[in-house]
């Protein structure tokens, strides 16, 4: 785990095309696990710019369950409710 930087680090506002940009040192980004092309929310609170990593939401069923591990253990048979149509009779 990267060392947590507790002292403010100086940077400056630069011109980038028609916009402005602030460089964020890599060691600060490493502390929050930021990667290139990550998205952030930026807002002003109490006359201070606040930059917050945007929460990445899964876009596919595979992303949604990528860390899920099924132990295949069931205490009881699942109750799927009563029959509604011409389901196969066991």
C-alpha atoms as a PDB file:
ATOM      1  CA  UNK A   1       0.000   0.000   0.000  1.00  0.00           C
ATOM      2  CA  UNK A   2       1.386   3.428  -0.908  1.00  0.00           C
ATOM      3  CA  UNK A   3       2.457   5.755   1.877  1.00  0.00           C
ATOM      4  CA  UNK A   4      -0.317   8.200   2.753  1.00  0.00           C
ATOM      5  CA  UNK A   5       0.742  11.757   1.927  1.00  0.00           C
ATOM      6  CA  UNK A   6      -0.342  14.035   4.771  1.00  0.00           C
ATOM      7  CA  UNK A   7       1.282  17.280   3.677  1.00  0.00           C
ATOM      8  CA  UNK A   8      -0.258  19.393   0.918  1.00  0.00           C
ATOM      9  CA  UNK A   9       1.531  19.144  -2.417  1.00  0.00           C
ATOM     10  CA  UNK A  10       1.833  22.231  -4.586  1.00  0.00           C
ATOM     11  CA  UNK A  11       0.614  22.154  -8.182  1.00  0.00           C
ATOM     12  CA  UNK A  12      -0.553  24.819 -10.610  1.00  0.00           C
ATOM     13  CA  UNK A  13      -3.394  25.561 -12.974  1.00  0.00           C
ATOM     14  CA  UNK A  14      -2.239  25.263 -16.606  1.00  0.00           C
ATOM     15  CA  UNK A  15      -3.753  25.970 -19.998  1.00  0.00           C
ATOM     16  CA  UNK A  16      -4.844  22.884 -21.970  1.00  0.00           C
ATOM     17  CA  UNK A  17      -6.427  23.902 -25.256  1.00  0.00           C
ATOM     18  CA  UNK A  18      -9.479  25.989 -24.395  1.00  0.00           C
ATOM     19  CA  UNK A  19      -9.636  24.476 -20.909  1.00  0.00           C
ATOM     20  CA  UNK A  20      -7.583  24.589 -17.759  1.00  0.00           C
ATOM     21  CA  UNK A  21      -5.865  21.603 -16.143  1.00  0.00           C
ATOM     22  CA  UNK A  22      -4.268  20.721 -12.826  1.00  0.00           C
ATOM     23  CA  UNK A  23      -1.640  17.989 -12.667  1.00  0.00           C
ATOM     24  CA  UNK A  24      -2.155  15.541  -9.833  1.00  0.00           C
ATOM     25  CA  UNK A  25       1.014  13.782  -8.659  1.00  0.00           C
ATOM     26  CA  UNK A  26       1.105  10.027  -9.239  1.00  0.00           C
ATOM     27  CA  UNK A  27       1.739   9.287  -5.559  1.00  0.00           C
ATOM     28  CA  UNK A  28      -1.546  10.986  -4.619  1.00  0.00           C
ATOM     29  CA  UNK A  29      -3.455   9.077  -7.292  1.00  0.00           C
ATOM     30  CA  UNK A  30      -1.875   5.822  -6.110  1.00  0.00           C
ATOM     31  CA  UNK A  31      -3.217   6.460  -2.603  1.00  0.00           C
ATOM     32  CA  UNK A  32      -6.788   6.318  -3.908  1.00  0.00           C
ATOM     33  CA  UNK A  33      -6.133   3.603  -6.489  1.00  0.00           C
ATOM     34  CA  UNK A  34      -6.855   5.897  -9.448  1.00  0.00           C
ATOM     35  CA  UNK A  35      -6.000   4.652 -12.930  1.00  0.00           C
ATOM     36  CA  UNK A  36      -5.648   6.477 -16.264  1.00  0.00           C
ATOM     37  CA  UNK A  37      -9.056   7.379 -17.735  1.00  0.00           C
ATOM     38  CA  UNK A  38     -10.872   7.006 -14.388  1.00  0.00           C
ATOM     39  CA  UNK A  39     -13.729   9.472 -14.085  1.00  0.00           C
ATOM     40  CA  UNK A  40     -14.131  11.995 -11.278  1.00  0.00           C
ATOM     41  CA  UNK A  41     -16.805  14.330 -10.010  1.00  0.00           C
ATOM     42  CA  UNK A  42     -15.669  17.890  -9.288  1.00  0.00           C
ATOM     43  CA  UNK A  43     -17.562  20.429  -7.222  1.00  0.00           C
ATOM     44  CA  UNK A  44     -17.052  23.535  -5.133  1.00  0.00           C
ATOM     45  CA  UNK A  45     -17.648  23.224  -1.379  1.00  0.00           C
ATOM     46  CA  UNK A  46     -16.872  26.110   0.957  1.00  0.00           C
ATOM     47  CA  UNK A  47     -14.863  27.822  -1.806  1.00  0.00           C
ATOM     48  CA  UNK A  48     -12.703  24.702  -2.211  1.00  0.00           C
ATOM     49  CA  UNK A  49     -12.533  22.427  -5.247  1.00  0.00           C
ATOM     50  CA  UNK A  50     -13.397  18.857  -4.271  1.00  0.00           C
ATOM     51  CA  UNK A  51     -12.408  16.042  -6.634  1.00  0.00           C
ATOM     52  CA  UNK A  52     -14.098  12.700  -5.941  1.00  0.00           C
ATOM     53  CA  UNK A  53     -13.601   9.432  -7.859  1.00  0.00           C
ATOM     54  CA  UNK A  54     -16.800   8.508  -9.672  1.00  0.00           C
ATOM     55  CA  UNK A  55     -18.180   5.187  -8.484  1.00  0.00           C
ATOM     56  CA  UNK A  56     -17.837   2.663 -11.294  1.00  0.00           C
ATOM     57  CA  UNK A  57     -21.076   0.785 -11.742  1.00  0.00           C
ATOM     58  CA  UNK A  58     -21.143  -2.573 -13.529  1.00  0.00           C
ATOM     59  CA  UNK A  59     -22.313  -2.400 -17.130  1.00  0.00           C
ATOM     60  CA  UNK A  60     -22.672  -6.139 -17.734  1.00  0.00           C
ATOM     61  CA  UNK A  61     -23.903  -9.107 -15.715  1.00  0.00           C
ATOM     62  CA  UNK A  62     -20.325 -10.435 -15.785  1.00  0.00           C
ATOM     63  CA  UNK A  63     -18.963  -7.258 -14.172  1.00  0.00           C
ATOM     64  CA  UNK A  64     -21.753  -7.332 -11.597  1.00  0.00           C
ATOM     65  CA  UNK A  65     -20.846 -10.819 -10.400  1.00  0.00           C
ATOM     66  CA  UNK A  66     -17.111 -10.949 -11.214  1.00  0.00           C
ATOM     67  CA  UNK A  67     -16.087 -11.288  -7.541  1.00  0.00           C
ATOM     68  CA  UNK A  68     -18.981 -13.507  -6.462  1.00  0.00           C
ATOM     69  CA  UNK A  69     -18.136 -17.045  -5.429  1.00  0.00           C
ATOM     70  CA  UNK A  70     -20.925 -19.607  -5.162  1.00  0.00           C
ATOM     71  CA  UNK A  71     -20.250 -22.287  -2.564  1.00  0.00           C
ATOM     72  CA  UNK A  72     -23.051 -24.462  -4.045  1.00  0.00           C
ATOM     73  CA  UNK A  73     -24.404 -25.088  -0.525  1.00  0.00           C
ATOM     74  CA  UNK A  74     -28.167 -24.818  -0.072  1.00  0.00           C
ATOM     75  CA  UNK A  75     -29.893 -25.464   3.278  1.00  0.00           C
ATOM     76  CA  UNK A  76     -33.204 -26.318   1.656  1.00  0.00           C
ATOM     77  CA  UNK A  77     -34.722 -26.753  -1.745  1.00  0.00           C
ATOM     78  CA  UNK A  78     -35.659 -23.430  -3.302  1.00  0.00           C
ATOM     79  CA  UNK A  79     -39.373 -22.651  -3.389  1.00  0.00           C
ATOM     80  CA  UNK A  80     -40.149 -21.215  -6.804  1.00  0.00           C
ATOM     81  CA  UNK A  81     -43.851 -20.733  -6.003  1.00  0.00           C
ATOM     82  CA  UNK A  82     -46.903 -22.473  -7.367  1.00  0.00           C
ATOM     83  CA  UNK A  83     -47.283 -23.600 -10.970  1.00  0.00           C
ATOM     84  CA  UNK A  84     -48.525 -20.891 -13.326  1.00  0.00           C
ATOM     85  CA  UNK A  85     -48.792 -22.678 -16.641  1.00  0.00           C
ATOM     86  CA  UNK A  86     -47.831 -25.934 -18.253  1.00  0.00           C
ATOM     87  CA  UNK A  87     -44.606 -26.542 -16.328  1.00  0.00           C
ATOM     88  CA  UNK A  88     -43.131 -30.025 -16.404  1.00  0.00           C
ATOM     89  CA  UNK A  89     -44.399 -32.213 -13.548  1.00  0.00           C
ATOM     90  CA  UNK A  90     -41.691 -34.071 -11.612  1.00  0.00           C
END
